[in-house]
Amino acid sequence: MDILLEATFDDERDARERLEAAFRRSLGPVGVTVPRGRRVGAVFTGTRIGYARVLTVASSGLGFGRSTRMTHRHPLGAVTVALQRQGVASIAQDGRDTVLRGGQAALVDMRRPFAVRQFDDFTMNLVRLPHDVVARLGGALEDATGRVLAPGSGVGGIFVDFVARLADVCAQVSAGIGERLAGHTADLLATVLEEGCRVDGARTDAALSRVHLVDQVLGYIDTHLGDPGLSPEAIAAQQRITVDHLHRLFDGHGAALGRIIQQRRVDACVRELDRRAAMHPRLTEVARRWGFADTAHFTKAFAAVHGTPFGTRRARPLATG
């Protein structure tokens, strides 16, 4: 396998940027969090095997995932098998949050937000498959994400054992054998998901209902961004569900619901400011139109979302009165 990164970092920003670059080369665009106040060492090795990519990550305390914003900006049609070889991790997607221990795996749909958090020293194999290869699985995939696949547990156990062995030998096989092994991986994945549907056919219906409800909530948010009273409590009342249920729906979406509302308000405000820049719009008026109390409220939210002050990205001056 090729060494994509082998380094120790003292600077958090440098660590994050180089780790994200390593992930991008092998898995796709993800955001990375690193432990604060301590040195971070990491080793990334990766290779291609047919149409699959195999990445092995060894480090300590990292987190990585894709937020709602990232999935919109950088669409990624892939399914990834995350196999925990050493250490303990949590993995969240589609409203489910589960713990992975050594030898256990979970599926991640890279098209949608997810979050992985490693608690300490760890080694993880990540096997990425093109989503179109498993597109026939449909709703079954949405119902399987964020669930534990453990060795010795039926077809899921066979799949986990196969993926572990694949990660161990992938660098040693020829191109022709690699193509076949990638195909076997996708076929086994299909079998795992089909078995899950047969065991409990209601799972898929429940997952599709959950996805539909999330889409309804996001649609409601987008049409009420200018309402200062837009809040999780107001949304839950409108959808006739509890606030706790609402928050659980978004547990695996890369950001809390309040953060999602904030991001969408900021984006809508910035789009209007850019669209009307030649007219020198008053920042306060535009900010209030999108649910912000005043200019200070907007600029604080912008900095929280983008990590930089609003003034540093303006192409031309705006009236602020």
C-alpha atoms as a PDB file:
ATOM      1  CA  MET A   1       0.000   0.000   0.000  1.00  0.00           C
ATOM      2  CA  ASP A   2       1.130   3.543  -0.698  1.00  0.00           C
ATOM      3  CA  ILE A   3       2.000   5.757   2.262  1.00  0.00           C
ATOM      4  CA  LEU A   4      -0.219   8.825   1.888  1.00  0.00           C
ATOM      5  CA  LEU A   5       0.863  10.482   5.120  1.00  0.00           C
ATOM      6  CA  GLU A   6       3.211   9.690   7.978  1.00  0.00           C
ATOM      7  CA  ALA A   7       3.832  12.585  10.327  1.00  0.00           C
ATOM      8  CA  THR A   8       3.533  14.024  13.817  1.00  0.00           C
ATOM      9  CA  PHE A   9       2.000  17.463  14.273  1.00  0.00           C
ATOM     10  CA  ASP A  10       2.363  20.082  16.984  1.00  0.00           C
ATOM     11  CA  ASP A  11       0.110  22.654  15.302  1.00  0.00           C
ATOM     12  CA  GLU A  12      -3.635  21.877  15.246  1.00  0.00           C
ATOM     13  CA  ARG A  13      -4.332  23.783  12.052  1.00  0.00           C
ATOM     14  CA  ASP A  14      -1.455  22.147  10.177  1.00  0.00           C
ATOM     15  CA  ALA A  15      -2.591  18.722  11.412  1.00  0.00           C
ATOM     16  CA  ARG A  16      -6.163  19.314  10.309  1.00  0.00           C
ATOM     17  CA  GLU A  17      -5.213  20.586   6.854  1.00  0.00           C
ATOM     18  CA  ARG A  18      -2.789  17.759   6.099  1.00  0.00           C
ATOM     19  CA  LEU A  19      -5.120  15.087   7.458  1.00  0.00           C
ATOM     20  CA  GLU A  20      -7.982  16.432   5.352  1.00  0.00           C
ATOM     21  CA  ALA A  21      -5.692  16.366   2.309  1.00  0.00           C
ATOM     22  CA  ALA A  22      -4.828  12.714   2.994  1.00  0.00           C
ATOM     23  CA  PHE A  23      -8.496  11.787   3.327  1.00  0.00           C
ATOM     24  CA  ARG A  24      -9.344  13.722   0.160  1.00  0.00           C
ATOM     25  CA  ARG A  25      -6.793  11.771  -1.887  1.00  0.00           C
ATOM     26  CA  SER A  26      -8.133   8.391  -0.825  1.00  0.00           C
ATOM     27  CA  LEU A  27     -11.669   8.638   0.525  1.00  0.00           C
ATOM     28  CA  GLY A  28     -13.054  12.000  -0.553  1.00  0.00           C
ATOM     29  CA  PRO A  29     -13.622  15.445   0.971  1.00  0.00           C
ATOM     30  CA  VAL A  30     -14.249  15.225   4.723  1.00  0.00           C
ATOM     31  CA  GLY A  31     -13.823  17.569   7.642  1.00  0.00           C
ATOM     32  CA  VAL A  32     -11.379  16.540  10.370  1.00  0.00           C
ATOM     33  CA  THR A  33     -11.178  17.377  14.069  1.00  0.00           C
ATOM     34  CA  VAL A  34      -7.999  16.802  16.068  1.00  0.00           C
ATOM     35  CA  PRO A  35      -7.359  16.618  19.832  1.00  0.00           C
ATOM     36  CA  ARG A  36      -6.562  19.977  21.375  1.00  0.00           C
ATOM     37  CA  GLY A  37      -3.413  20.693  23.299  1.00  0.00           C
ATOM     38  CA  ARG A  38      -1.413  17.637  22.344  1.00  0.00           C
ATOM     39  CA  ARG A  39       0.769  16.324  19.548  1.00  0.00           C
ATOM     40  CA  VAL A  40      -0.985  14.270  16.887  1.00  0.00           C
ATOM     41  CA  GLY A  41       0.716  11.470  14.981  1.00  0.00           C
ATOM     42  CA  ALA A  42      -0.917   9.773  12.009  1.00  0.00           C
ATOM     43  CA  VAL A  43      -0.149   7.162   9.373  1.00  0.00           C
ATOM     44  CA  PHE A  44      -2.345   6.882   6.267  1.00  0.00           C
ATOM     45  CA  THR A  45      -1.807   4.078   3.763  1.00  0.00           C
ATOM     46  CA  GLY A  46      -4.008   3.445   0.761  1.00  0.00           C
ATOM     47  CA  THR A  47      -4.369   1.620  -2.501  1.00  0.00           C
ATOM     48  CA  ARG A  48      -6.863   0.876  -5.260  1.00  0.00           C
ATOM     49  CA  ILE A  49      -8.282  -2.579  -5.770  1.00  0.00           C
ATOM     50  CA  GLY A  50     -10.443  -2.658  -8.866  1.00  0.00           C
ATOM     51  CA  TYR A  51     -13.069   0.055  -8.499  1.00  0.00           C
ATOM     52  CA  ALA A  52     -12.656   0.003  -4.711  1.00  0.00           C
ATOM     53  CA  ARG A  53     -10.305   2.105  -2.607  1.00  0.00           C
ATOM     54  CA  VAL A  54      -8.794   0.800   0.606  1.00  0.00           C
ATOM     55  CA  LEU A  55      -7.497   3.243   3.227  1.00  0.00           C
ATOM     56  CA  THR A  56      -5.928   2.368   6.577  1.00  0.00           C
ATOM     57  CA  VAL A  57      -5.665   5.103   9.208  1.00  0.00           C
ATOM     58  CA  ALA A  58      -3.697   4.816  12.455  1.00  0.00           C
ATOM     59  CA  SER A  59      -3.751   7.776  14.823  1.00  0.00           C
ATOM     60  CA  SER A  60      -5.255   8.953  18.117  1.00  0.00           C
ATOM     61  CA  GLY A  61      -8.431  10.828  18.962  1.00  0.00           C
ATOM     62  CA  LEU A  62      -9.337  12.004  15.465  1.00  0.00           C
ATOM     63  CA  GLY A  63     -12.824  12.810  14.265  1.00  0.00           C
ATOM     64  CA  PHE A  64     -13.946  13.033  10.663  1.00  0.00           C
ATOM     65  CA  GLY A  65     -17.168  13.353   8.740  1.00  0.00           C
ATOM     66  CA  ARG A  66     -19.244  15.287   6.242  1.00  0.00           C
ATOM     67  CA  SER A  67     -21.597  18.076   7.257  1.00  0.00           C
ATOM     68  CA  THR A  68     -24.794  19.015   5.457  1.00  0.00           C
ATOM     69  CA  ARG A  69     -22.946  21.953   3.949  1.00  0.00           C
ATOM     70  CA  MET A  70     -20.119  19.751   2.674  1.00  0.00           C
ATOM     71  CA  THR A  71     -22.464  17.220   1.069  1.00  0.00           C
ATOM     72  CA  HIS A  72     -24.080  20.076  -0.855  1.00  0.00           C
ATOM     73  CA  ARG A  73     -20.788  21.686  -1.890  1.00  0.00           C
ATOM     74  CA  HIS A  74     -18.920  18.461  -2.650  1.00  0.00           C
ATOM     75  CA  PRO A  75     -21.326  15.675  -3.690  1.00  0.00           C
ATOM     76  CA  LEU A  76     -19.704  12.268  -3.347  1.00  0.00           C
ATOM     77  CA  GLY A  77     -21.329   9.121  -4.742  1.00  0.00           C
ATOM     78  CA  ALA A  78     -19.737   6.427  -2.636  1.00  0.00           C
ATOM     79  CA  VAL A  79     -20.439   3.869   0.073  1.00  0.00           C
ATOM     80  CA  THR A  80     -17.697   3.212   2.638  1.00  0.00           C
ATOM     81  CA  VAL A  81     -17.238   0.251   4.952  1.00  0.00           C
ATOM     82  CA  ALA A  82     -15.601   1.459   8.188  1.00  0.00           C
ATOM     83  CA  LEU A  83     -13.881  -1.427   9.973  1.00  0.00           C
ATOM     84  CA  GLN A  84     -12.467  -0.721  13.430  1.00  0.00           C
ATOM     85  CA  ARG A  85      -9.327  -2.827  13.876  1.00  0.00           C
ATOM     86  CA  GLN A  86      -8.113  -1.345  17.169  1.00  0.00           C
ATOM     87  CA  GLY A  87      -9.582   1.132  19.644  1.00  0.00           C
ATOM     88  CA  VAL A  88     -13.126   2.398  20.147  1.00  0.00           C
ATOM     89  CA  ALA A  89     -15.081   4.776  17.918  1.00  0.00           C
ATOM     90  CA  SER A  90     -18.565   6.212  17.593  1.00  0.00           C
ATOM     91  CA  ILE A  91     -20.224   6.519  14.206  1.00  0.00           C
ATOM     92  CA  ALA A  92     -23.406   8.477  13.468  1.00  0.00           C
ATOM     93  CA  GLN A  93     -25.595   8.686  10.384  1.00  0.00           C
ATOM     94  CA  ASP A  94     -29.310   8.839   9.603  1.00  0.00           C
ATOM     95  CA  GLY A  95     -30.279   9.453  13.219  1.00  0.00           C
ATOM     96  CA  ARG A  96     -28.341   6.478  14.571  1.00  0.00           C
ATOM     97  CA  ASP A  97     -25.248   6.725  16.753  1.00  0.00           C
ATOM     98  CA  THR A  98     -23.423   3.515  17.570  1.00  0.00           C
ATOM     99  CA  VAL A  99     -20.129   2.392  19.102  1.00  0.00           C
ATOM    100  CA  LEU A 100     -17.567   0.393  17.130  1.00  0.00           C
ATOM    101  CA  ARG A 101     -15.042  -1.784  18.925  1.00  0.00           C
ATOM    102  CA  GLY A 102     -12.153  -3.793  17.523  1.00  0.00           C
ATOM    103  CA  GLY A 103     -13.349  -6.178  14.797  1.00  0.00           C
ATOM    104  CA  GLN A 104     -16.688  -4.415  14.244  1.00  0.00           C
ATOM    105  CA  ALA A 105     -17.733  -2.475  11.143  1.00  0.00           C
ATOM    106  CA  ALA A 106     -20.423  -0.077   9.969  1.00  0.00           C
ATOM    107  CA  LEU A 107     -21.583   1.297   6.636  1.00  0.00           C
ATOM    108  CA  VAL A 108     -21.389   4.976   5.694  1.00  0.00           C
ATOM    109  CA  ASP A 109     -23.257   6.545   2.771  1.00  0.00           C
ATOM    110  CA  MET A 110     -20.893   9.324   1.665  1.00  0.00           C
ATOM    111  CA  ARG A 111     -23.724  11.164  -0.093  1.00  0.00           C
ATOM    112  CA  ARG A 112     -25.235  12.132   3.237  1.00  0.00           C
ATOM    113  CA  PRO A 113     -23.866  13.716   6.433  1.00  0.00           C
ATOM    114  CA  PHE A 114     -22.103  11.459   8.926  1.00  0.00           C
ATOM    115  CA  ALA A 115     -19.656  11.712  11.807  1.00  0.00           C
ATOM    116  CA  VAL A 116     -16.948   9.344  13.088  1.00  0.00           C
ATOM    117  CA  ARG A 117     -15.156   9.999  16.368  1.00  0.00           C
ATOM    118  CA  GLN A 118     -12.168   8.010  17.609  1.00  0.00           C
ATOM    119  CA  PHE A 119     -11.749   8.108  21.380  1.00  0.00           C
ATOM    120  CA  ASP A 120      -8.051   7.243  21.678  1.00  0.00           C
ATOM    121  CA  ASP A 121      -5.348   5.316  19.802  1.00  0.00           C
ATOM    122  CA  PHE A 122      -6.933   3.467  16.905  1.00  0.00           C
ATOM    123  CA  THR A 123      -6.509   1.708  13.590  1.00  0.00           C
ATOM    124  CA  MET A 124      -9.368   1.753  11.083  1.00  0.00           C
ATOM    125  CA  ASN A 125      -9.765   0.289   7.600  1.00  0.00           C
ATOM    126  CA  LEU A 126     -12.000   2.215   5.208  1.00  0.00           C
ATOM    127  CA  VAL A 127     -13.117   0.460   2.008  1.00  0.00           C
ATOM    128  CA  ARG A 128     -14.834   2.772  -0.447  1.00  0.00           C
ATOM    129  CA  LEU A 129     -17.120   1.513  -3.238  1.00  0.00           C
ATOM    130  CA  PRO A 130     -18.822   3.608  -5.960  1.00  0.00           C
ATOM    131  CA  HIS A 131     -22.430   4.195  -5.028  1.00  0.00           C
ATOM    132  CA  ASP A 132     -23.688   3.351  -8.512  1.00  0.00           C
ATOM    133  CA  VAL A 133     -22.332  -0.177  -8.056  1.00  0.00           C
ATOM    134  CA  VAL A 134     -24.761  -0.720  -5.179  1.00  0.00           C
ATOM    135  CA  ALA A 135     -27.512   1.625  -6.408  1.00  0.00           C
ATOM    136  CA  ARG A 136     -29.934  -1.275  -6.771  1.00  0.00           C
ATOM    137  CA  LEU A 137     -29.960  -1.528  -2.970  1.00  0.00           C
ATOM    138  CA  GLY A 138     -32.060   1.643  -2.673  1.00  0.00           C
ATOM    139  CA  GLY A 139     -33.689   2.149   0.715  1.00  0.00           C
ATOM    140  CA  ALA A 140     -31.965  -0.871   2.192  1.00  0.00           C
ATOM    141  CA  LEU A 141     -28.726   1.102   2.369  1.00  0.00           C
ATOM    142  CA  GLU A 142     -30.407   4.001   4.182  1.00  0.00           C
ATOM    143  CA  ASP A 143     -31.611   1.556   6.808  1.00  0.00           C
ATOM    144  CA  ALA A 144     -28.209  -0.104   7.286  1.00  0.00           C
ATOM    145  CA  THR A 145     -26.015   2.932   7.951  1.00  0.00           C
ATOM    146  CA  GLY A 146     -24.897   3.498  11.529  1.00  0.00           C
ATOM    147  CA  ARG A 147     -25.536  -0.109  12.571  1.00  0.00           C
ATOM    148  CA  VAL A 148     -22.873  -2.502  13.877  1.00  0.00           C
ATOM    149  CA  LEU A 149     -21.714  -5.411  11.735  1.00  0.00           C
ATOM    150  CA  ALA A 150     -19.823  -7.819  13.955  1.00  0.00           C
ATOM    151  CA  PRO A 151     -17.762 -10.946  13.278  1.00  0.00           C
ATOM    152  CA  GLY A 152     -19.635 -14.191  13.797  1.00  0.00           C
ATOM    153  CA  SER A 153     -23.087 -12.639  13.239  1.00  0.00           C
ATOM    154  CA  GLY A 154     -24.566 -14.319  10.158  1.00  0.00           C
ATOM    155  CA  VAL A 155     -23.864 -12.899   6.710  1.00  0.00           C
ATOM    156  CA  GLY A 156     -22.760  -9.633   8.327  1.00  0.00           C
ATOM    157  CA  GLY A 157     -20.002 -11.520  10.125  1.00  0.00           C
ATOM    158  CA  ILE A 158     -18.834 -13.130   6.888  1.00  0.00           C
ATOM    159  CA  PHE A 159     -18.735  -9.689   5.293  1.00  0.00           C
ATOM    160  CA  VAL A 160     -16.701  -8.194   8.157  1.00  0.00           C
ATOM    161  CA  ASP A 161     -14.190 -11.064   8.015  1.00  0.00           C
ATOM    162  CA  PHE A 162     -13.905 -10.653   4.239  1.00  0.00           C
ATOM    163  CA  VAL A 163     -13.291  -6.895   4.474  1.00  0.00           C
ATOM    164  CA  ALA A 164     -10.616  -7.399   7.149  1.00  0.00           C
ATOM    165  CA  ARG A 165      -8.809  -9.932   4.998  1.00  0.00           C
ATOM    166  CA  LEU A 166      -9.169  -7.725   1.931  1.00  0.00           C
ATOM    167  CA  ALA A 167      -7.538  -4.814   3.766  1.00  0.00           C
ATOM    168  CA  ASP A 168      -4.669  -7.078   4.846  1.00  0.00           C
ATOM    169  CA  VAL A 169      -3.838  -8.459   1.373  1.00  0.00           C
ATOM    170  CA  CYS A 170      -4.995  -5.752  -1.056  1.00  0.00           C
ATOM    171  CA  ALA A 171      -1.475  -4.478  -1.715  1.00  0.00           C
ATOM    172  CA  GLN A 172      -0.314  -7.949  -2.753  1.00  0.00           C
ATOM    173  CA  VAL A 173      -2.895  -8.859  -5.422  1.00  0.00           C
ATOM    174  CA  SER A 174      -2.680  -8.316  -9.178  1.00  0.00           C
ATOM    175  CA  ALA A 175      -4.926  -5.894 -11.047  1.00  0.00           C
ATOM    176  CA  GLY A 176      -7.095  -8.679 -12.432  1.00  0.00           C
ATOM    177  CA  ILE A 177      -7.605 -10.313  -9.038  1.00  0.00           C
ATOM    178  CA  GLY A 178      -8.268  -6.887  -7.539  1.00  0.00           C
ATOM    179  CA  GLU A 179     -11.150  -6.322  -9.962  1.00  0.00           C
ATOM    180  CA  ARG A 180     -12.709  -9.612  -8.912  1.00  0.00           C
ATOM    181  CA  LEU A 181     -12.230  -8.943  -5.207  1.00  0.00           C
ATOM    182  CA  ALA A 182     -13.893  -5.545  -5.541  1.00  0.00           C
ATOM    183  CA  GLY A 183     -16.836  -7.250  -7.213  1.00  0.00           C
ATOM    184  CA  HIS A 184     -17.017  -9.850  -4.443  1.00  0.00           C
ATOM    185  CA  THR A 185     -17.055  -7.034  -1.870  1.00  0.00           C
ATOM    186  CA  ALA A 186     -20.033  -5.352  -3.549  1.00  0.00           C
ATOM    187  CA  ASP A 187     -21.864  -8.682  -3.924  1.00  0.00           C
ATOM    188  CA  LEU A 188     -21.390  -9.517  -0.244  1.00  0.00           C
ATOM    189  CA  LEU A 189     -22.566  -6.042   0.719  1.00  0.00           C
ATOM    190  CA  ALA A 190     -25.714  -6.571  -1.360  1.00  0.00           C
ATOM    191  CA  THR A 191     -26.305  -9.892   0.403  1.00  0.00           C
ATOM    192  CA  VAL A 192     -25.907  -8.285   3.837  1.00  0.00           C
ATOM    193  CA  LEU A 193     -28.489  -5.624   3.030  1.00  0.00           C
ATOM    194  CA  GLU A 194     -30.907  -8.065   1.429  1.00  0.00           C
ATOM    195  CA  GLU A 195     -30.704 -10.283   4.519  1.00  0.00           C
ATOM    196  CA  GLY A 196     -31.483  -7.285   6.715  1.00  0.00           C
ATOM    197  CA  CYS A 197     -34.608  -6.523   4.677  1.00  0.00           C
ATOM    198  CA  ARG A 198     -35.825 -10.118   4.937  1.00  0.00           C
ATOM    199  CA  VAL A 199     -35.271 -10.253   8.691  1.00  0.00           C
ATOM    200  CA  ASP A 200     -37.264  -7.086   9.295  1.00  0.00           C
ATOM    201  CA  GLY A 201     -38.977  -5.656   6.249  1.00  0.00           C
ATOM    202  CA  ALA A 202     -40.351  -2.799   8.319  1.00  0.00           C
ATOM    203  CA  ARG A 203     -36.851  -1.379   8.731  1.00  0.00           C
ATOM    204  CA  THR A 204     -36.684   0.006   5.208  1.00  0.00           C
ATOM    205  CA  ASP A 205     -40.129   1.604   5.455  1.00  0.00           C
ATOM    206  CA  ALA A 206     -39.120   3.223   8.747  1.00  0.00           C
ATOM    207  CA  ALA A 207     -35.870   4.523   7.252  1.00  0.00           C
ATOM    208  CA  LEU A 208     -37.641   5.986   4.224  1.00  0.00           C
ATOM    209  CA  SER A 209     -40.215   7.609   6.505  1.00  0.00           C
ATOM    210  CA  ARG A 210     -37.389   9.126   8.556  1.00  0.00           C
ATOM    211  CA  VAL A 211     -35.656  10.492   5.441  1.00  0.00           C
ATOM    212  CA  HIS A 212     -38.972  11.934   4.221  1.00  0.00           C
ATOM    213  CA  LEU A 213     -39.501  13.683   7.572  1.00  0.00           C
ATOM    214  CA  VAL A 214     -35.966  15.138   7.467  1.00  0.00           C
ATOM    215  CA  ASP A 215     -36.679  16.488   3.954  1.00  0.00           C
ATOM    216  CA  GLN A 216     -39.935  18.027   5.222  1.00  0.00           C
ATOM    217  CA  VAL A 217     -38.128  19.725   8.101  1.00  0.00           C
ATOM    218  CA  LEU A 218     -35.386  21.106   5.834  1.00  0.00           C
ATOM    219  CA  GLY A 219     -38.018  22.382   3.403  1.00  0.00           C
ATOM    220  CA  TYR A 220     -39.865  24.102   6.253  1.00  0.00           C
ATOM    221  CA  ILE A 221     -36.615  25.685   7.455  1.00  0.00           C
ATOM    222  CA  ASP A 222     -35.798  27.018   3.985  1.00  0.00           C
ATOM    223  CA  THR A 223     -39.216  28.669   3.631  1.00  0.00           C
ATOM    224  CA  HIS A 224     -39.122  30.241   7.107  1.00  0.00           C
ATOM    225  CA  LEU A 225     -35.534  31.466   7.370  1.00  0.00           C
ATOM    226  CA  GLY A 226     -36.724  35.054   7.706  1.00  0.00           C
ATOM    227  CA  ASP A 227     -38.844  34.250  10.745  1.00  0.00           C
ATOM    228  CA  PRO A 228     -36.936  35.274  13.899  1.00  0.00           C
ATOM    229  CA  GLY A 229     -39.017  32.752  15.818  1.00  0.00           C
ATOM    230  CA  LEU A 230     -37.736  29.797  13.782  1.00  0.00           C
ATOM    231  CA  SER A 231     -36.377  27.327  16.335  1.00  0.00           C
ATOM    232  CA  PRO A 232     -36.305  23.583  17.050  1.00  0.00           C
ATOM    233  CA  GLU A 233     -39.285  24.060  19.365  1.00  0.00           C
ATOM    234  CA  ALA A 234     -41.312  25.830  16.664  1.00  0.00           C
ATOM    235  CA  ILE A 235     -40.362  23.213  14.048  1.00  0.00           C
ATOM    236  CA  ALA A 236     -41.259  20.327  16.343  1.00  0.00           C
ATOM    237  CA  ALA A 237     -44.663  21.884  17.033  1.00  0.00           C
ATOM    238  CA  GLN A 238     -45.296  22.380  13.321  1.00  0.00           C
ATOM    239  CA  GLN A 239     -44.329  18.759  12.553  1.00  0.00           C
ATOM    240  CA  ARG A 240     -46.312  17.466  15.568  1.00  0.00           C
ATOM    241  CA  ILE A 241     -43.339  15.642  17.052  1.00  0.00           C
ATOM    242  CA  THR A 242     -41.362  16.137  20.255  1.00  0.00           C
ATOM    243  CA  VAL A 243     -38.240  18.285  20.330  1.00  0.00           C
ATOM    244  CA  ASP A 244     -36.189  15.243  21.411  1.00  0.00           C
ATOM    245  CA  HIS A 245     -37.467  13.284  18.401  1.00  0.00           C
ATOM    246  CA  LEU A 246     -36.567  16.189  16.128  1.00  0.00           C
ATOM    247  CA  HIS A 247     -33.012  16.365  17.465  1.00  0.00           C
ATOM    248  CA  ARG A 248     -32.589  12.588  17.082  1.00  0.00           C
ATOM    249  CA  LEU A 249     -33.531  12.887  13.403  1.00  0.00           C
ATOM    250  CA  PHE A 250     -30.507  15.134  12.873  1.00  0.00           C
ATOM    251  CA  ASP A 251     -28.020  13.348  15.137  1.00  0.00           C
ATOM    252  CA  GLY A 252     -26.158  11.873  12.146  1.00  0.00           C
ATOM    253  CA  HIS A 253     -26.327  14.896   9.866  1.00  0.00           C
ATOM    254  CA  GLY A 254     -22.962  16.404  10.718  1.00  0.00           C
ATOM    255  CA  ALA A 255     -24.397  19.360  12.655  1.00  0.00           C
ATOM    256  CA  ALA A 256     -27.011  20.090  15.291  1.00  0.00           C
ATOM    257  CA  LEU A 257     -30.336  21.420  14.032  1.00  0.00           C
ATOM    258  CA  GLY A 258     -29.702  24.900  15.428  1.00  0.00           C
ATOM    259  CA  ARG A 259     -26.399  24.984  13.538  1.00  0.00           C
ATOM    260  CA  ILE A 260     -28.142  23.929  10.327  1.00  0.00           C
ATOM    261  CA  ILE A 261     -30.629  26.795  10.689  1.00  0.00           C
ATOM    262  CA  GLN A 262     -27.771  29.213  11.325  1.00  0.00           C
ATOM    263  CA  GLN A 263     -25.807  27.986   8.292  1.00  0.00           C
ATOM    264  CA  ARG A 264     -28.784  28.328   5.962  1.00  0.00           C
ATOM    265  CA  ARG A 265     -29.625  31.806   7.225  1.00  0.00           C
ATOM    266  CA  VAL A 266     -26.045  32.953   6.752  1.00  0.00           C
ATOM    267  CA  ASP A 267     -25.891  31.466   3.237  1.00  0.00           C
ATOM    268  CA  ALA A 268     -29.192  33.084   2.228  1.00  0.00           C
ATOM    269  CA  CYS A 269     -28.062  36.451   3.567  1.00  0.00           C
ATOM    270  CA  VAL A 270     -24.699  36.279   1.777  1.00  0.00           C
ATOM    271  CA  ARG A 271     -26.370  35.295  -1.503  1.00  0.00           C
ATOM    272  CA  GLU A 272     -28.651  38.328  -1.355  1.00  0.00           C
ATOM    273  CA  LEU A 273     -25.770  40.648  -0.473  1.00  0.00           C
ATOM    274  CA  ASP A 274     -23.723  39.343  -3.400  1.00  0.00           C
ATOM    275  CA  ARG A 275     -26.678  39.510  -5.792  1.00  0.00           C
ATOM    276  CA  ARG A 276     -27.425  43.124  -4.855  1.00  0.00           C
ATOM    277  CA  ALA A 277     -23.832  44.281  -4.345  1.00  0.00           C
ATOM    278  CA  ALA A 278     -24.002  46.841  -7.174  1.00  0.00           C
ATOM    279  CA  MET A 279     -26.908  48.511  -5.370  1.00  0.00           C
ATOM    280  CA  HIS A 280     -24.931  48.841  -2.111  1.00  0.00           C
ATOM    281  CA  PRO A 281     -27.596  47.196   0.058  1.00  0.00           C
ATOM    282  CA  ARG A 282     -27.798  48.077   3.736  1.00  0.00           C
ATOM    283  CA  LEU A 283     -26.392  45.128   5.660  1.00  0.00           C
ATOM    284  CA  THR A 284     -28.727  45.609   8.611  1.00  0.00           C
ATOM    285  CA  GLU A 285     -31.848  45.467   6.403  1.00  0.00           C
ATOM    286  CA  VAL A 286     -30.717  42.325   4.576  1.00  0.00           C
ATOM    287  CA  ALA A 287     -29.685  40.626   7.820  1.00  0.00           C
ATOM    288  CA  ARG A 288     -33.075  41.317   9.411  1.00  0.00           C
ATOM    289  CA  ARG A 289     -34.848  39.972   6.341  1.00  0.00           C
ATOM    290  CA  TRP A 290     -33.158  36.621   6.965  1.00  0.00           C
ATOM    291  CA  GLY A 291     -33.979  36.364  10.657  1.00  0.00           C
ATOM    292  CA  PHE A 292     -31.000  38.139  12.249  1.00  0.00           C
ATOM    293  CA  ALA A 293     -31.631  40.768  14.934  1.00  0.00           C
ATOM    294  CA  ASP A 294     -29.029  43.182  13.577  1.00  0.00           C
ATOM    295  CA  THR A 295     -25.644  43.445  11.835  1.00  0.00           C
ATOM    296  CA  ALA A 296     -23.709  42.229  14.872  1.00  0.00           C
ATOM    297  CA  HIS A 297     -25.915  39.135  15.099  1.00  0.00           C
ATOM    298  CA  PHE A 298     -25.254  38.307  11.428  1.00  0.00           C
ATOM    299  CA  THR A 299     -21.504  38.909  11.512  1.00  0.00           C
ATOM    300  CA  LYS A 300     -21.154  36.772  14.624  1.00  0.00           C
ATOM    301  CA  ALA A 301     -23.104  33.951  12.942  1.00  0.00           C
ATOM    302  CA  PHE A 302     -21.011  34.290   9.766  1.00  0.00           C
ATOM    303  CA  ALA A 303     -17.785  33.943  11.749  1.00  0.00           C
ATOM    304  CA  ALA A 304     -19.166  30.895  13.584  1.00  0.00           C
ATOM    305  CA  VAL A 305     -20.126  29.179  10.306  1.00  0.00           C
ATOM    306  CA  HIS A 306     -17.094  30.057   8.182  1.00  0.00           C
ATOM    307  CA  GLY A 307     -14.376  30.511  10.772  1.00  0.00           C
ATOM    308  CA  THR A 308     -13.396  33.939   9.376  1.00  0.00           C
ATOM    309  CA  PRO A 309     -14.762  37.478   9.906  1.00  0.00           C
ATOM    310  CA  PHE A 310     -17.370  38.612   7.391  1.00  0.00           C
ATOM    311  CA  GLY A 311     -15.360  41.710   6.532  1.00  0.00           C
ATOM    312  CA  THR A 312     -12.497  39.635   5.107  1.00  0.00           C
ATOM    313  CA  ARG A 313     -14.639  38.148   2.298  1.00  0.00           C
ATOM    314  CA  ARG A 314     -16.540  41.207   1.120  1.00  0.00           C
ATOM    315  CA  ALA A 315     -15.585  42.154  -2.396  1.00  0.00           C
ATOM    316  CA  ARG A 316     -16.985  45.694  -2.109  1.00  0.00           C
ATOM    317  CA  PRO A 317     -18.148  47.922   0.754  1.00  0.00           C
ATOM    318  CA  LEU A 318     -21.704  47.724   2.022  1.00  0.00           C
ATOM    319  CA  ALA A 319     -23.799  50.228   3.894  1.00  0.00           C
ATOM    320  CA  THR A 320     -24.152  49.103   7.485  1.00  0.00           C
ATOM    321  CA  GLY A 321     -26.563  51.614   8.945  1.00  0.00           C
END
